[in-house]
Amino acid sequence: MRQKRILKTIPVLLLISLISSCPAFAQPQVKPEKEEKILSLPKLKKSPPSFKLSTSAGVFSGYDSNVNLSPVSKGDTFQEFLYSLSFSKPWTEGTTFTFNYDLDFLNYSRFTDSTNLLNHLRFGLHKEMGRYFDIGTGYDLGAFYYPHNKEGNFLLHRGFFYVKNYLTRRLYQEVLYESGYKRHTQRKALQDTINTYQDKKLIDRRNTGQYTIGMKVTPDLFAKVRLRFTNNDSNARFDDYYDYKAYEISPAAEYKFTRRLEGSAAFSFTRRDYKSRLVFANDYKEKDKIYAANLSFRYKVNRNNIASLAYCLRNNDSNEDLEEYTENIMTLGWQYNF
């Protein structure tokens, strides 16, 4: 069964910030991970408040031209609701504790098997190491529930550690390591053939290394480039079916046109090399080349309300005909900041 989304980091975050892959408003598969929101340059140091709390809610609607990411495109309209909460509090001198929560409900009109609910938690500790360095660590949990497709349910646990270096007031670089554990709550792991299963749940162990360099080019323009390597190791026996190595490059930019209007653009290229999975009826391994482009605009109606428009194009150029697809997503949204 084709897996559904885990990209999309969080839909409204993708509109609020710059991402390297398509927005999560229409999460077509589990293949693309939920993206983290963009790393923005820090502002001048000020005396921190005792704590900071912010919440927002958004509603989105749009059209996904290829919900199942299949060679034969079948589209559907979708509606989405997102609630986000962000909390931060100084822990000790130079150390900050952060907590983020997102509730994301995505509903497809006809392809109800793709309808899903995400509960997302993220805890972090961040430490200022003098003027030029920050370090941080934390834990991330995503719980995905598919009410009409129980085999799609899974939990994704991730621990992370990063070091951030401010080269100048405008330029930074960051190295991040992430270790993930994805457990399907209903789906069983493949045994020795494509149609037999172990008496174990399907599990993926995922290790990721990431390098990011970003620059505030002008007061209105921010740009970054991200390099990312991922190794996925599954307990499926048949052809190590879900084991792969992925290499990604993602340039992106964000521009403030006026006091109210902001835009962002991103492109990503990912090469995914499967360890042993063979192309159907052939003796060579599957290799995917995934291209994604994203363009979005946000208009601040007033202090609390933001209107958004986003477009995403995703294409998989694979040597496996059954895995090739092209997808277009259009999304219109409204966000309220409490």
C-alpha atoms as a PDB file:
ATOM      1  CA  MET A   1       0.000   0.000   0.000  1.00  0.00           C
ATOM      2  CA  ARG A   2       1.290   3.446  -0.821  1.00  0.00           C
ATOM      3  CA  GLN A   3       1.936   5.403   2.346  1.00  0.00           C
ATOM      4  CA  LYS A   4       0.484   8.852   2.856  1.00  0.00           C
ATOM      5  CA  ARG A   5       2.186  12.019   4.071  1.00  0.00           C
ATOM      6  CA  ILE A   6       4.631  12.909   6.868  1.00  0.00           C
ATOM      7  CA  LEU A   7       6.021  16.657   5.025  1.00  0.00           C
ATOM      8  CA  LYS A   8       4.932  18.476   5.444  1.00  0.00           C
ATOM      9  CA  THR A   9       6.897  20.256   9.243  1.00  0.00           C
ATOM     10  CA  ILE A  10       2.937  21.801   9.309  1.00  0.00           C
ATOM     11  CA  PRO A  11       0.855  23.395   6.531  1.00  0.00           C
ATOM     12  CA  VAL A  12       0.392  26.865   7.859  1.00  0.00           C
ATOM     13  CA  LEU A  13       4.016  26.914   8.892  1.00  0.00           C
ATOM     14  CA  LEU A  14       4.864  26.278   5.288  1.00  0.00           C
ATOM     15  CA  LEU A  15       2.932  29.341   4.286  1.00  0.00           C
ATOM     16  CA  ILE A  16       4.238  31.382   7.194  1.00  0.00           C
ATOM     17  CA  SER A  17       7.763  30.382   6.470  1.00  0.00           C
ATOM     18  CA  LEU A  18       9.954  29.071   3.694  1.00  0.00           C
ATOM     19  CA  ILE A  19      10.152  25.453   2.991  1.00  0.00           C
ATOM     20  CA  SER A  20      11.953  23.173   0.720  1.00  0.00           C
ATOM     21  CA  SER A  21       9.079  21.012  -0.351  1.00  0.00           C
ATOM     22  CA  CYS A  22       5.424  21.251  -1.161  1.00  0.00           C
ATOM     23  CA  PRO A  23       2.962  22.604   1.343  1.00  0.00           C
ATOM     24  CA  ALA A  24       1.291  20.094   3.579  1.00  0.00           C
ATOM     25  CA  PHE A  25      -2.204  21.303   2.885  1.00  0.00           C
ATOM     26  CA  ALA A  26      -2.650  18.265   0.656  1.00  0.00           C
ATOM     27  CA  GLN A  27      -0.448  15.583   2.054  1.00  0.00           C
ATOM     28  CA  PRO A  28      -0.446  13.018  -0.721  1.00  0.00           C
ATOM     29  CA  GLN A  29       1.852  10.386   0.792  1.00  0.00           C
ATOM     30  CA  VAL A  30       4.036   9.520   3.716  1.00  0.00           C
ATOM     31  CA  LYS A  31       7.072   9.807   1.460  1.00  0.00           C
ATOM     32  CA  PRO A  32       7.703  13.537   1.949  1.00  0.00           C
ATOM     33  CA  GLU A  33       8.401  14.320   5.591  1.00  0.00           C
ATOM     34  CA  LYS A  34       6.689  17.089   7.452  1.00  0.00           C
ATOM     35  CA  GLU A  35       9.029  20.036   7.099  1.00  0.00           C
ATOM     36  CA  GLU A  36      10.375  22.150   9.850  1.00  0.00           C
ATOM     37  CA  LYS A  37       9.694  25.819   9.571  1.00  0.00           C
ATOM     38  CA  ILE A  38      12.479  28.014   8.197  1.00  0.00           C
ATOM     39  CA  LEU A  39      15.403  28.960  10.426  1.00  0.00           C
ATOM     40  CA  SER A  40      15.228  32.726  10.639  1.00  0.00           C
ATOM     41  CA  LEU A  41      18.058  35.015  11.648  1.00  0.00           C
ATOM     42  CA  PRO A  42      17.945  36.093  15.283  1.00  0.00           C
ATOM     43  CA  LYS A  43      17.055  39.627  16.253  1.00  0.00           C
ATOM     44  CA  LEU A  44      19.199  41.787  18.493  1.00  0.00           C
ATOM     45  CA  LYS A  45      19.514  40.372  21.986  1.00  0.00           C
ATOM     46  CA  LYS A  46      17.013  41.817  24.453  1.00  0.00           C
ATOM     47  CA  SER A  47      16.062  41.010  28.014  1.00  0.00           C
ATOM     48  CA  PRO A  48      13.771  38.001  27.638  1.00  0.00           C
ATOM     49  CA  PRO A  49      10.251  38.074  29.128  1.00  0.00           C
ATOM     50  CA  SER A  50       9.313  35.548  31.804  1.00  0.00           C
ATOM     51  CA  PHE A  51       7.623  33.517  29.076  1.00  0.00           C
ATOM     52  CA  LYS A  52       6.125  33.877  25.628  1.00  0.00           C
ATOM     53  CA  LEU A  53       2.935  32.215  24.413  1.00  0.00           C
ATOM     54  CA  SER A  54       1.333  32.483  20.999  1.00  0.00           C
ATOM     55  CA  THR A  55      -1.513  30.607  19.327  1.00  0.00           C
ATOM     56  CA  SER A  56      -3.080  30.633  15.887  1.00  0.00           C
ATOM     57  CA  ALA A  57      -5.784  28.830  13.928  1.00  0.00           C
ATOM     58  CA  GLY A  58      -6.249  28.506  10.206  1.00  0.00           C
ATOM     59  CA  VAL A  59      -8.656  27.104   7.642  1.00  0.00           C
ATOM     60  CA  PHE A  60      -7.519  26.083   4.155  1.00  0.00           C
ATOM     61  CA  SER A  61      -9.095  24.725   1.012  1.00  0.00           C
ATOM     62  CA  GLY A  62      -7.678  23.638  -2.301  1.00  0.00           C
ATOM     63  CA  TYR A  63      -7.259  21.074  -5.037  1.00  0.00           C
ATOM     64  CA  ASP A  64      -4.745  18.221  -5.286  1.00  0.00           C
ATOM     65  CA  SER A  65      -4.341  16.866  -8.827  1.00  0.00           C
ATOM     66  CA  ASN A  66      -2.848  13.505  -7.759  1.00  0.00           C
ATOM     67  CA  VAL A  67      -3.873  12.498  -4.262  1.00  0.00           C
ATOM     68  CA  ASN A  68      -2.272   9.033  -4.356  1.00  0.00           C
ATOM     69  CA  LEU A  69       0.924  10.070  -6.175  1.00  0.00           C
ATOM     70  CA  SER A  70       0.323   7.488  -8.882  1.00  0.00           C
ATOM     71  CA  PRO A  71       1.176   7.329 -12.616  1.00  0.00           C
ATOM     72  CA  VAL A  72      -2.527   7.835 -13.375  1.00  0.00           C
ATOM     73  CA  SER A  73      -3.518  11.151 -11.802  1.00  0.00           C
ATOM     74  CA  LYS A  74      -6.778  11.352  -9.892  1.00  0.00           C
ATOM     75  CA  GLY A  75      -7.511  14.664  -8.215  1.00  0.00           C
ATOM     76  CA  ASP A  76      -9.712  15.811  -5.373  1.00  0.00           C
ATOM     77  CA  THR A  77     -10.630  18.903  -3.396  1.00  0.00           C
ATOM     78  CA  PHE A  78      -9.626  19.132   0.251  1.00  0.00           C
ATOM     79  CA  GLN A  79     -10.333  21.176   3.348  1.00  0.00           C
ATOM     80  CA  GLU A  80      -7.972  21.631   6.258  1.00  0.00           C
ATOM     81  CA  PHE A  81      -8.027  23.005   9.804  1.00  0.00           C
ATOM     82  CA  LEU A  82      -4.863  23.771  11.748  1.00  0.00           C
ATOM     83  CA  TYR A  83      -4.353  24.938  15.326  1.00  0.00           C
ATOM     84  CA  SER A  84      -0.851  25.836  16.541  1.00  0.00           C
ATOM     85  CA  LEU A  85       0.525  26.770  19.948  1.00  0.00           C
ATOM     86  CA  SER A  86       4.048  27.979  20.691  1.00  0.00           C
ATOM     87  CA  PHE A  87       5.529  28.472  24.161  1.00  0.00           C
ATOM     88  CA  SER A  88       9.014  29.563  25.249  1.00  0.00           C
ATOM     89  CA  LYS A  89      10.510  30.336  28.648  1.00  0.00           C
ATOM     90  CA  PRO A  90      14.038  31.149  29.852  1.00  0.00           C
ATOM     91  CA  TRP A  91      15.364  28.138  31.756  1.00  0.00           C
ATOM     92  CA  THR A  92      18.659  29.386  33.090  1.00  0.00           C
ATOM     93  CA  GLU A  93      20.918  32.214  31.950  1.00  0.00           C
ATOM     94  CA  GLY A  94      21.318  31.850  28.194  1.00  0.00           C
ATOM     95  CA  THR A  95      19.103  28.733  28.033  1.00  0.00           C
ATOM     96  CA  THR A  96      15.521  28.672  26.707  1.00  0.00           C
ATOM     97  CA  PHE A  97      12.911  25.936  26.861  1.00  0.00           C
ATOM     98  CA  THR A  98      10.468  25.732  23.938  1.00  0.00           C
ATOM     99  CA  PHE A  99       7.299  23.755  23.347  1.00  0.00           C
ATOM    100  CA  ASN A 100       5.222  23.601  20.169  1.00  0.00           C
ATOM    101  CA  TYR A 101       1.944  21.832  19.520  1.00  0.00           C
ATOM    102  CA  ASP A 102       0.023  21.467  16.259  1.00  0.00           C
ATOM    103  CA  LEU A 103      -3.370  19.904  15.595  1.00  0.00           C
ATOM    104  CA  ASP A 104      -3.889  19.378  11.865  1.00  0.00           C
ATOM    105  CA  PHE A 105      -7.029  17.862  10.308  1.00  0.00           C
ATOM    106  CA  LEU A 106      -6.990  17.275   6.540  1.00  0.00           C
ATOM    107  CA  ASN A 107     -10.171  16.113   4.814  1.00  0.00           C
ATOM    108  CA  TYR A 108     -10.469  14.907   1.215  1.00  0.00           C
ATOM    109  CA  SER A 109     -13.915  15.088  -0.382  1.00  0.00           C
ATOM    110  CA  ARG A 110     -13.816  11.806  -2.364  1.00  0.00           C
ATOM    111  CA  PHE A 111     -10.532  10.053  -1.495  1.00  0.00           C
ATOM    112  CA  THR A 112     -11.526   9.555   2.124  1.00  0.00           C
ATOM    113  CA  ASP A 113      -8.720   7.007   2.734  1.00  0.00           C
ATOM    114  CA  SER A 114      -6.344   9.967   2.597  1.00  0.00           C
ATOM    115  CA  THR A 115      -8.235  11.982   5.233  1.00  0.00           C
ATOM    116  CA  ASN A 116      -6.046  12.219   8.330  1.00  0.00           C
ATOM    117  CA  LEU A 117      -5.506  13.844  11.701  1.00  0.00           C
ATOM    118  CA  LEU A 118      -2.067  14.820  13.013  1.00  0.00           C
ATOM    119  CA  ASN A 119      -1.128  15.608  16.607  1.00  0.00           C
ATOM    120  CA  HIS A 120       2.381  17.053  16.690  1.00  0.00           C
ATOM    121  CA  LEU A 121       4.505  17.855  19.775  1.00  0.00           C
ATOM    122  CA  ARG A 122       8.010  19.308  19.876  1.00  0.00           C
ATOM    123  CA  PHE A 123      10.140  20.065  22.958  1.00  0.00           C
ATOM    124  CA  GLY A 124      13.494  21.810  22.859  1.00  0.00           C
ATOM    125  CA  LEU A 125      16.307  23.272  24.963  1.00  0.00           C
ATOM    126  CA  HIS A 126      18.404  25.981  23.312  1.00  0.00           C
ATOM    127  CA  LYS A 127      21.629  27.419  24.722  1.00  0.00           C
ATOM    128  CA  GLU A 128      23.535  30.546  23.697  1.00  0.00           C
ATOM    129  CA  MET A 129      27.256  29.761  23.683  1.00  0.00           C
ATOM    130  CA  GLY A 130      28.639  33.257  23.520  1.00  0.00           C
ATOM    131  CA  ARG A 131      28.239  35.655  20.618  1.00  0.00           C
ATOM    132  CA  TYR A 132      28.778  33.290  17.696  1.00  0.00           C
ATOM    133  CA  PHE A 133      27.295  29.921  18.629  1.00  0.00           C
ATOM    134  CA  ASP A 134      24.012  28.387  19.748  1.00  0.00           C
ATOM    135  CA  ILE A 135      23.398  24.724  20.500  1.00  0.00           C
ATOM    136  CA  GLY A 136      20.148  22.891  21.060  1.00  0.00           C
ATOM    137  CA  THR A 137      18.518  19.519  21.524  1.00  0.00           C
ATOM    138  CA  GLY A 138      14.996  18.210  21.717  1.00  0.00           C
ATOM    139  CA  TYR A 139      12.329  15.642  20.968  1.00  0.00           C
ATOM    140  CA  ASP A 140       9.639  15.601  18.293  1.00  0.00           C
ATOM    141  CA  LEU A 141       6.540  13.366  18.168  1.00  0.00           C
ATOM    142  CA  GLY A 142       4.033  13.091  15.336  1.00  0.00           C
ATOM    143  CA  ALA A 143       0.946  10.917  15.763  1.00  0.00           C
ATOM    144  CA  PHE A 144      -0.859  10.306  12.456  1.00  0.00           C
ATOM    145  CA  TYR A 145      -4.400   8.911  12.432  1.00  0.00           C
ATOM    146  CA  TYR A 146      -6.296   7.880   9.292  1.00  0.00           C
ATOM    147  CA  PRO A 147      -9.955   7.301  10.279  1.00  0.00           C
ATOM    148  CA  HIS A 148     -10.829   5.491   7.019  1.00  0.00           C
ATOM    149  CA  ASN A 149      -7.517   3.677   6.544  1.00  0.00           C
ATOM    150  CA  LYS A 150      -6.250   2.115   9.760  1.00  0.00           C
ATOM    151  CA  GLU A 151      -3.105   0.733   8.120  1.00  0.00           C
ATOM    152  CA  GLY A 152      -1.968   4.288   7.521  1.00  0.00           C
ATOM    153  CA  ASN A 153      -1.731   5.082  11.263  1.00  0.00           C
ATOM    154  CA  PHE A 154       1.756   5.553  12.670  1.00  0.00           C
ATOM    155  CA  LEU A 155       3.858   7.290  15.314  1.00  0.00           C
ATOM    156  CA  LEU A 156       7.031   9.136  14.388  1.00  0.00           C
ATOM    157  CA  HIS A 157       9.531   9.785  17.183  1.00  0.00           C
ATOM    158  CA  ARG A 158      12.542  12.021  16.481  1.00  0.00           C
ATOM    159  CA  GLY A 159      15.377  13.279  18.634  1.00  0.00           C
ATOM    160  CA  PHE A 160      17.599  16.082  17.365  1.00  0.00           C
ATOM    161  CA  PHE A 161      20.744  18.026  18.164  1.00  0.00           C
ATOM    162  CA  TYR A 162      22.107  21.090  16.373  1.00  0.00           C
ATOM    163  CA  VAL A 163      24.935  23.614  16.420  1.00  0.00           C
ATOM    164  CA  LYS A 164      24.337  27.048  14.918  1.00  0.00           C
ATOM    165  CA  ASN A 165      27.152  29.436  14.041  1.00  0.00           C
ATOM    166  CA  TYR A 166      26.615  33.165  13.362  1.00  0.00           C
ATOM    167  CA  LEU A 167      29.325  34.092  10.896  1.00  0.00           C
ATOM    168  CA  THR A 168      28.144  37.718  10.763  1.00  0.00           C
ATOM    169  CA  ARG A 169      25.014  39.562  11.852  1.00  0.00           C
ATOM    170  CA  ARG A 170      23.441  38.601   8.522  1.00  0.00           C
ATOM    171  CA  LEU A 171      24.949  35.188   7.804  1.00  0.00           C
ATOM    172  CA  TYR A 172      24.637  31.908   9.700  1.00  0.00           C
ATOM    173  CA  GLN A 173      25.295  28.210   9.217  1.00  0.00           C
ATOM    174  CA  GLU A 174      23.879  25.233  11.056  1.00  0.00           C
ATOM    175  CA  VAL A 175      24.616  21.519  11.378  1.00  0.00           C
ATOM    176  CA  LEU A 176      21.822  19.243  12.600  1.00  0.00           C
ATOM    177  CA  TYR A 177      21.610  15.533  13.397  1.00  0.00           C
ATOM    178  CA  GLU A 178      18.279  13.773  13.786  1.00  0.00           C
ATOM    179  CA  SER A 179      17.462  10.203  14.769  1.00  0.00           C
ATOM    180  CA  GLY A 180      13.949   8.940  14.035  1.00  0.00           C
ATOM    181  CA  TYR A 181      11.825   5.908  14.852  1.00  0.00           C
ATOM    182  CA  LYS A 182       8.619   5.381  12.869  1.00  0.00           C
ATOM    183  CA  ARG A 183       6.211   2.708  14.087  1.00  0.00           C
ATOM    184  CA  HIS A 184       3.072   1.715  12.204  1.00  0.00           C
ATOM    185  CA  THR A 185       0.374   0.875  14.707  1.00  0.00           C
ATOM    186  CA  GLN A 186      -1.602  -1.490  12.413  1.00  0.00           C
ATOM    187  CA  ARG A 187       0.542  -2.336   9.395  1.00  0.00           C
ATOM    188  CA  LYS A 188       2.762  -5.435   9.584  1.00  0.00           C
ATOM    189  CA  ALA A 189       6.262  -5.817   8.165  1.00  0.00           C
ATOM    190  CA  LEU A 190       6.867  -7.808   4.987  1.00  0.00           C
ATOM    191  CA  GLN A 191       8.302 -11.295   5.398  1.00  0.00           C
ATOM    192  CA  ASP A 192      10.226 -13.054   2.606  1.00  0.00           C
ATOM    193  CA  THR A 193       7.740 -12.372  -0.207  1.00  0.00           C
ATOM    194  CA  ILE A 194       5.681  -9.354  -1.239  1.00  0.00           C
ATOM    195  CA  ASN A 195       2.450 -11.039  -0.050  1.00  0.00           C
ATOM    196  CA  THR A 196       3.521 -12.529   3.309  1.00  0.00           C
ATOM    197  CA  TYR A 197       3.921 -10.677   6.591  1.00  0.00           C
ATOM    198  CA  GLN A 198       5.773 -11.041   9.874  1.00  0.00           C
ATOM    199  CA  ASP A 199       4.021 -11.046  13.210  1.00  0.00           C
ATOM    200  CA  LYS A 200       5.609  -7.633  13.835  1.00  0.00           C
ATOM    201  CA  LYS A 201       4.580  -4.073  13.141  1.00  0.00           C
ATOM    202  CA  LEU A 202       6.382  -2.245  10.341  1.00  0.00           C
ATOM    203  CA  ILE A 203       9.186  -0.079  11.770  1.00  0.00           C
ATOM    204  CA  ASP A 204      11.515   2.417  10.107  1.00  0.00           C
ATOM    205  CA  ARG A 205      14.698   3.672  11.767  1.00  0.00           C
ATOM    206  CA  ARG A 206      15.823   6.903  10.171  1.00  0.00           C
ATOM    207  CA  ASN A 207      19.046   8.888  10.626  1.00  0.00           C
ATOM    208  CA  THR A 208      19.456  12.328   9.086  1.00  0.00           C
ATOM    209  CA  GLY A 209      22.326  14.783   8.776  1.00  0.00           C
ATOM    210  CA  GLN A 210      21.644  18.325   7.593  1.00  0.00           C
ATOM    211  CA  TYR A 211      23.667  21.427   6.778  1.00  0.00           C
ATOM    212  CA  THR A 212      22.028  24.836   6.273  1.00  0.00           C
ATOM    213  CA  ILE A 213      23.496  28.187   5.350  1.00  0.00           C
ATOM    214  CA  GLY A 214      21.278  31.279   5.369  1.00  0.00           C
ATOM    215  CA  MET A 215      21.683  34.984   4.811  1.00  0.00           C
ATOM    216  CA  LYS A 216      19.595  38.103   5.260  1.00  0.00           C
ATOM    217  CA  VAL A 217      20.626  39.613   1.936  1.00  0.00           C
ATOM    218  CA  THR A 218      18.682  42.851   2.411  1.00  0.00           C
ATOM    219  CA  PRO A 219      16.219  44.019   5.073  1.00  0.00           C
ATOM    220  CA  ASP A 220      13.459  42.527   2.887  1.00  0.00           C
ATOM    221  CA  LEU A 221      15.168  39.447   1.402  1.00  0.00           C
ATOM    222  CA  PHE A 222      16.235  36.263   3.164  1.00  0.00           C
ATOM    223  CA  ALA A 223      17.778  33.280   1.358  1.00  0.00           C
ATOM    224  CA  LYS A 224      19.062  29.868   2.394  1.00  0.00           C
ATOM    225  CA  VAL A 225      20.367  26.593   0.999  1.00  0.00           C
ATOM    226  CA  ARG A 226      19.955  23.264   2.756  1.00  0.00           C
ATOM    227  CA  LEU A 227      21.814  19.992   2.151  1.00  0.00           C
ATOM    228  CA  ARG A 228      20.299  16.869   3.683  1.00  0.00           C
ATOM    229  CA  PHE A 229      21.225  13.184   3.842  1.00  0.00           C
ATOM    230  CA  THR A 230      18.828  10.514   5.141  1.00  0.00           C
ATOM    231  CA  ASN A 231      19.306   6.784   5.711  1.00  0.00           C
ATOM    232  CA  ASN A 232      16.139   4.734   6.240  1.00  0.00           C
ATOM    233  CA  ASP A 233      16.380   1.196   7.662  1.00  0.00           C
ATOM    234  CA  SER A 234      13.170  -0.836   7.832  1.00  0.00           C
ATOM    235  CA  ASN A 235      12.417  -4.236   9.383  1.00  0.00           C
ATOM    236  CA  ALA A 236      10.678  -5.382   6.154  1.00  0.00           C
ATOM    237  CA  ARG A 237      12.591  -8.456   4.905  1.00  0.00           C
ATOM    238  CA  PHE A 238      11.495  -8.747   1.281  1.00  0.00           C
ATOM    239  CA  ASP A 239      14.156  -6.966  -0.809  1.00  0.00           C
ATOM    240  CA  ASP A 240      14.765  -4.669   2.198  1.00  0.00           C
ATOM    241  CA  TYR A 241      11.784  -3.042   0.574  1.00  0.00           C
ATOM    242  CA  TYR A 242      11.788   0.316   2.394  1.00  0.00           C
ATOM    243  CA  ASP A 243      15.545   0.715   2.931  1.00  0.00           C
ATOM    244  CA  TYR A 244      17.025   3.660   1.082  1.00  0.00           C
ATOM    245  CA  LYS A 245      19.511   6.521   1.136  1.00  0.00           C
ATOM    246  CA  ALA A 246      18.304   9.981   0.121  1.00  0.00           C
ATOM    247  CA  TYR A 247      20.305  13.062  -0.885  1.00  0.00           C
ATOM    248  CA  GLU A 248      18.585  16.450  -1.021  1.00  0.00           C
ATOM    249  CA  ILE A 249      19.473  20.027  -1.962  1.00  0.00           C
ATOM    250  CA  SER A 250      16.965  22.797  -1.271  1.00  0.00           C
ATOM    251  CA  PRO A 251      17.503  26.485  -2.137  1.00  0.00           C
ATOM    252  CA  ALA A 252      14.815  28.880  -0.928  1.00  0.00           C
ATOM    253  CA  ALA A 253      14.069  32.590  -0.546  1.00  0.00           C
ATOM    254  CA  GLU A 254      11.578  34.860   1.189  1.00  0.00           C
ATOM    255  CA  TYR A 255      10.828  38.453   0.207  1.00  0.00           C
ATOM    256  CA  LYS A 256       8.805  41.211   1.857  1.00  0.00           C
ATOM    257  CA  PHE A 257       7.162  43.246  -0.924  1.00  0.00           C
ATOM    258  CA  THR A 258       5.355  45.685   1.345  1.00  0.00           C
ATOM    259  CA  ARG A 259       4.510  46.018   5.007  1.00  0.00           C
ATOM    260  CA  ARG A 260       1.557  43.698   4.438  1.00  0.00           C
ATOM    261  CA  LEU A 261       2.561  41.433   1.543  1.00  0.00           C
ATOM    262  CA  GLU A 262       5.203  38.683   1.741  1.00  0.00           C
ATOM    263  CA  GLY A 263       6.172  35.981  -0.718  1.00  0.00           C
ATOM    264  CA  SER A 264       8.330  32.866  -0.661  1.00  0.00           C
ATOM    265  CA  ALA A 265       9.737  30.497  -3.252  1.00  0.00           C
ATOM    266  CA  ALA A 266      11.520  27.180  -2.826  1.00  0.00           C
ATOM    267  CA  PHE A 267      12.891  24.365  -4.938  1.00  0.00           C
ATOM    268  CA  SER A 268      14.159  20.966  -3.881  1.00  0.00           C
ATOM    269  CA  PHE A 269      15.779  18.007  -5.591  1.00  0.00           C
ATOM    270  CA  THR A 270      15.946  14.651  -3.831  1.00  0.00           C
ATOM    271  CA  ARG A 271      17.640  11.512  -5.107  1.00  0.00           C
ATOM    272  CA  ARG A 272      16.443   8.367  -3.374  1.00  0.00           C
ATOM    273  CA  ASP A 273      18.477   5.177  -3.924  1.00  0.00           C
ATOM    274  CA  TYR A 274      16.856   1.985  -2.682  1.00  0.00           C
ATOM    275  CA  LYS A 275      19.171  -0.563  -1.106  1.00  0.00           C
ATOM    276  CA  SER A 276      17.739  -3.723  -2.682  1.00  0.00           C
ATOM    277  CA  ARG A 277      14.303  -2.993  -4.100  1.00  0.00           C
ATOM    278  CA  LEU A 278      14.241  -4.038  -7.740  1.00  0.00           C
ATOM    279  CA  VAL A 279      12.332  -2.434 -10.569  1.00  0.00           C
ATOM    280  CA  PHE A 280       9.327  -4.583 -11.500  1.00  0.00           C
ATOM    281  CA  ALA A 281      10.269  -7.441 -13.887  1.00  0.00           C
ATOM    282  CA  ASN A 282      13.898  -6.263 -14.024  1.00  0.00           C
ATOM    283  CA  ASP A 283      17.158  -7.004 -12.229  1.00  0.00           C
ATOM    284  CA  TYR A 284      18.281  -3.456 -11.366  1.00  0.00           C
ATOM    285  CA  LYS A 285      17.499  -1.343  -8.304  1.00  0.00           C
ATOM    286  CA  GLU A 286      14.927   1.406  -8.086  1.00  0.00           C
ATOM    287  CA  LYS A 287      16.133   5.008  -8.092  1.00  0.00           C
ATOM    288  CA  ASP A 288      13.849   8.025  -7.675  1.00  0.00           C
ATOM    289  CA  LYS A 289      14.530  11.637  -8.609  1.00  0.00           C
ATOM    290  CA  ILE A 290      11.998  13.893  -6.879  1.00  0.00           C
ATOM    291  CA  TYR A 291      11.626  17.536  -7.893  1.00  0.00           C
ATOM    292  CA  ALA A 292       9.462  19.957  -5.923  1.00  0.00           C
ATOM    293  CA  ALA A 293       8.751  23.659  -6.392  1.00  0.00           C
ATOM    294  CA  ASN A 294       6.719  25.865  -4.090  1.00  0.00           C
ATOM    295  CA  LEU A 295       5.437  29.425  -4.431  1.00  0.00           C
ATOM    296  CA  SER A 296       3.356  31.144  -1.756  1.00  0.00           C
ATOM    297  CA  PHE A 297       2.073  34.580  -0.787  1.00  0.00           C
ATOM    298  CA  ARG A 298       0.803  35.945   2.527  1.00  0.00           C
ATOM    299  CA  TYR A 299      -1.185  39.130   2.969  1.00  0.00           C
ATOM    300  CA  LYS A 300      -1.574  40.635   6.442  1.00  0.00           C
ATOM    301  CA  VAL A 301      -5.100  41.980   6.497  1.00  0.00           C
ATOM    302  CA  ASN A 302      -4.581  43.357   9.992  1.00  0.00           C
ATOM    303  CA  ARG A 303      -2.734  42.461  13.176  1.00  0.00           C
ATOM    304  CA  ASN A 304      -4.610  39.200  13.654  1.00  0.00           C
ATOM    305  CA  ASN A 305      -5.695  38.040  10.199  1.00  0.00           C
ATOM    306  CA  ILE A 306      -3.583  36.685   7.332  1.00  0.00           C
ATOM    307  CA  ALA A 307      -4.764  35.515   3.910  1.00  0.00           C
ATOM    308  CA  SER A 308      -2.565  33.074   1.985  1.00  0.00           C
ATOM    309  CA  LEU A 309      -2.252  31.554  -1.471  1.00  0.00           C
ATOM    310  CA  ALA A 310       0.121  28.709  -2.362  1.00  0.00           C
ATOM    311  CA  TYR A 311       1.021  26.563  -5.349  1.00  0.00           C
ATOM    312  CA  CYS A 312       3.108  23.395  -5.365  1.00  0.00           C
ATOM    313  CA  LEU A 313       4.444  21.221  -8.162  1.00  0.00           C
ATOM    314  CA  ARG A 314       5.983  17.830  -7.413  1.00  0.00           C
ATOM    315  CA  ASN A 315       7.369  15.306  -9.880  1.00  0.00           C
ATOM    316  CA  ASN A 316       9.035  11.922  -9.441  1.00  0.00           C
ATOM    317  CA  ASP A 317      11.260  10.843 -12.321  1.00  0.00           C
ATOM    318  CA  SER A 318      11.843   7.191 -11.410  1.00  0.00           C
ATOM    319  CA  ASN A 319      13.275   4.212 -13.268  1.00  0.00           C
ATOM    320  CA  GLU A 320      10.251   2.334 -11.895  1.00  0.00           C
ATOM    321  CA  ASP A 321       7.242   3.206 -14.059  1.00  0.00           C
ATOM    322  CA  LEU A 322       4.842   2.381 -11.236  1.00  0.00           C
ATOM    323  CA  GLU A 323       6.424   5.066  -9.027  1.00  0.00           C
ATOM    324  CA  GLU A 324       6.423   7.945 -11.515  1.00  0.00           C
ATOM    325  CA  TYR A 325       3.960  10.775 -10.899  1.00  0.00           C
ATOM    326  CA  THR A 326       3.283  14.478 -11.296  1.00  0.00           C
ATOM    327  CA  GLU A 327       1.240  16.457  -8.773  1.00  0.00           C
ATOM    328  CA  ASN A 328      -0.103  20.009  -8.629  1.00  0.00           C
ATOM    329  CA  ILE A 329      -1.578  21.534  -5.476  1.00  0.00           C
ATOM    330  CA  MET A 330      -3.386  24.873  -5.143  1.00  0.00           C
ATOM    331  CA  THR A 331      -4.272  26.135  -1.660  1.00  0.00           C
ATOM    332  CA  LEU A 332      -6.167  29.167  -0.403  1.00  0.00           C
ATOM    333  CA  GLY A 333      -6.127  29.863   3.329  1.00  0.00           C
ATOM    334  CA  TRP A 334      -7.015  32.168   6.174  1.00  0.00           C
ATOM    335  CA  GLN A 335      -5.125  32.353   9.475  1.00  0.00           C
ATOM    336  CA  TYR A 336      -6.073  34.073  12.733  1.00  0.00           C
ATOM    337  CA  ASN A 337      -3.441  34.923  15.361  1.00  0.00           C
ATOM    338  CA  PHE A 338      -4.811  35.118  18.884  1.00  0.00           C
END
